[in-house]
Amino acid sequence: MKENPLLTKSFKFALRIVKLCRFLNDQEHEFVLSKQILVTGTSIGAMVEEAQVGEDRQDFARKLSAANKFAFKTNYWLRLLHEGEYLKKEEFDSILADCEELQKLLLSALKTTRNSSAH
């Protein structure tokens, strides 16, 4: 079976988010924002996984759209954590780049799905 980059990257990103939350809890004693980013950051991959078993192309697109919304929310929480001085620039730049890559992949997949639905 061919590897799906969106599935792979969203899962790896979720794992990074879990580790980030552990760091925020254990080292920074930050619990409120870490819960927010845990929900949104892991929901991206969960929605991508769920899209794979969508009932039809429209359901698939809805699930990807939800994943995309979670990615944008995660981007927000990452910026807030950085500006709130919980994430150093190097850590922030790395995880934000991963988040933005996921956002681009999701937007591309949504565009492709919508274009193929129109035909």
Protein backbone atom coordinates (compact mmCIF):
# COMPACT_ATOMS: atom_id res chain seq x y z
CA MET A 1 0.00 0.00 0.00
CA LYS A 2 1.28 3.45 -0.97
CA GLU A 3 2.30 5.71 1.90
CA ASN A 4 0.01 8.68 2.48
CA PRO A 5 2.20 11.69 3.41
CA LEU A 6 -0.71 13.50 5.06
CA LEU A 7 -1.46 10.53 7.34
CA THR A 8 2.21 10.07 8.20
CA LYS A 9 2.96 13.73 8.84
CA SER A 10 -0.20 14.37 10.84
CA PHE A 11 0.56 11.36 13.08
CA LYS A 12 4.17 12.45 13.63
CA PHE A 13 2.98 15.98 14.34
CA ALA A 14 0.50 14.68 16.92
CA LEU A 15 3.33 12.82 18.60
CA ARG A 16 5.38 16.04 18.73
CA ILE A 17 2.39 17.80 20.29
CA VAL A 18 2.06 15.09 22.96
CA LYS A 19 5.75 15.49 23.80
CA LEU A 20 5.40 19.28 23.81
CA CYS A 21 2.52 19.01 26.28
CA ARG A 22 4.55 16.74 28.52
CA PHE A 23 7.36 19.33 28.46
CA LEU A 24 4.94 22.19 29.17
CA ASN A 25 3.42 20.30 32.11
CA ASP A 26 6.63 18.90 33.60
CA GLN A 27 9.11 21.71 32.96
CA GLU A 28 7.05 24.88 32.63
CA HIS A 29 4.15 23.89 34.91
CA GLU A 30 1.79 25.22 32.26
CA PHE A 31 -1.49 23.32 32.14
CA VAL A 32 -4.16 25.48 30.49
CA LEU A 33 -2.60 26.26 27.12
CA SER A 34 -1.06 22.80 26.94
CA LYS A 35 -4.53 21.25 27.10
CA GLN A 36 -5.72 23.50 24.29
CA ILE A 37 -2.85 22.60 22.01
CA LEU A 38 -3.10 18.92 22.93
CA VAL A 39 -6.70 18.86 21.74
CA THR A 40 -6.17 20.81 18.53
CA GLY A 41 -2.77 19.38 17.62
CA THR A 42 -3.80 15.75 17.97
CA SER A 43 -7.20 16.32 16.38
CA ILE A 44 -5.56 17.15 13.05
CA GLY A 45 -4.33 13.59 12.62
CA ALA A 46 -7.50 12.10 14.09
CA MET A 47 -9.61 13.90 11.49
CA VAL A 48 -7.24 12.90 8.67
CA GLU A 49 -7.53 9.28 9.82
CA GLU A 50 -11.30 9.57 10.02
CA ALA A 51 -11.43 11.06 6.51
CA GLN A 52 -9.90 7.86 5.15
CA VAL A 53 -13.12 6.01 5.94
CA GLY A 54 -15.44 8.82 4.89
CA GLU A 55 -18.83 7.74 3.61
CA ASP A 56 -18.33 9.59 0.34
CA ARG A 57 -16.20 12.33 -1.24
CA GLN A 58 -18.25 15.04 0.50
CA ASP A 59 -17.74 13.41 3.93
CA PHE A 60 -14.03 13.04 3.14
CA ALA A 61 -13.84 16.77 2.34
CA ARG A 62 -15.72 17.70 5.54
CA LYS A 63 -13.26 15.70 7.65
CA LEU A 64 -10.27 17.29 5.91
CA SER A 65 -11.85 20.70 6.40
CA ALA A 66 -12.18 19.99 10.12
CA ALA A 67 -8.54 18.87 10.24
CA ASN A 68 -7.58 22.11 8.52
CA LYS A 69 -9.46 24.15 11.12
CA PHE A 70 -7.64 22.30 13.90
CA ALA A 71 -4.33 23.02 12.15
CA PHE A 72 -5.09 26.74 12.09
CA LYS A 73 -6.06 26.66 15.76
CA THR A 74 -2.86 24.79 16.58
CA ASN A 75 -0.86 27.43 14.72
CA TYR A 76 -2.53 30.04 16.94
CA TRP A 77 -1.72 28.17 20.18
CA LEU A 78 1.89 27.68 19.08
CA ARG A 79 2.30 31.40 18.44
CA LEU A 80 0.70 32.17 21.80
CA LEU A 81 3.04 29.76 23.59
CA HIS A 82 6.02 31.34 21.87
CA GLU A 83 4.97 34.92 22.58
CA GLY A 84 4.15 33.89 26.15
CA GLU A 85 7.77 32.72 26.44
CA TYR A 86 6.98 29.03 26.94
CA LEU A 87 8.74 28.03 23.71
CA LYS A 88 12.21 29.14 22.69
CA LYS A 89 12.65 30.43 19.16
CA GLU A 90 14.40 27.30 17.86
CA GLU A 91 11.73 24.95 19.24
CA PHE A 92 8.95 27.24 18.05
CA ASP A 93 10.36 27.63 14.53
CA SER A 94 10.68 23.87 14.12
CA ILE A 95 7.21 22.88 15.30
CA LEU A 96 5.55 25.85 13.58
CA ALA A 97 7.19 24.80 10.29
CA ASP A 98 5.69 21.32 10.73
CA CYS A 99 2.28 22.82 11.47
CA GLU A 100 2.44 25.09 8.42
CA GLU A 101 3.50 22.17 6.23
CA LEU A 102 0.42 20.27 7.43
CA GLN A 103 -1.75 23.30 6.69
CA LYS A 104 -0.40 23.42 3.12
CA LEU A 105 -0.93 19.69 2.63
CA LEU A 106 -4.48 19.93 3.94
CA LEU A 107 -5.32 22.92 1.75
CA SER A 108 -3.90 21.12 -1.28
CA ALA A 109 -5.87 17.94 -0.50
CA LEU A 110 -9.05 19.97 -0.02
CA LYS A 111 -8.53 21.80 -3.29
CA THR A 112 -7.92 18.53 -5.15
CA THR A 113 -10.97 16.90 -3.57
CA ARG A 114 -13.21 19.85 -4.37
CA ASN A 115 -11.94 20.07 -7.95
CA SER A 116 -12.49 16.37 -8.57
CA SER A 117 -16.00 16.63 -7.09
CA ALA A 118 -16.88 19.36 -9.56
CA HIS A 119 -16.31 17.02 -12.52
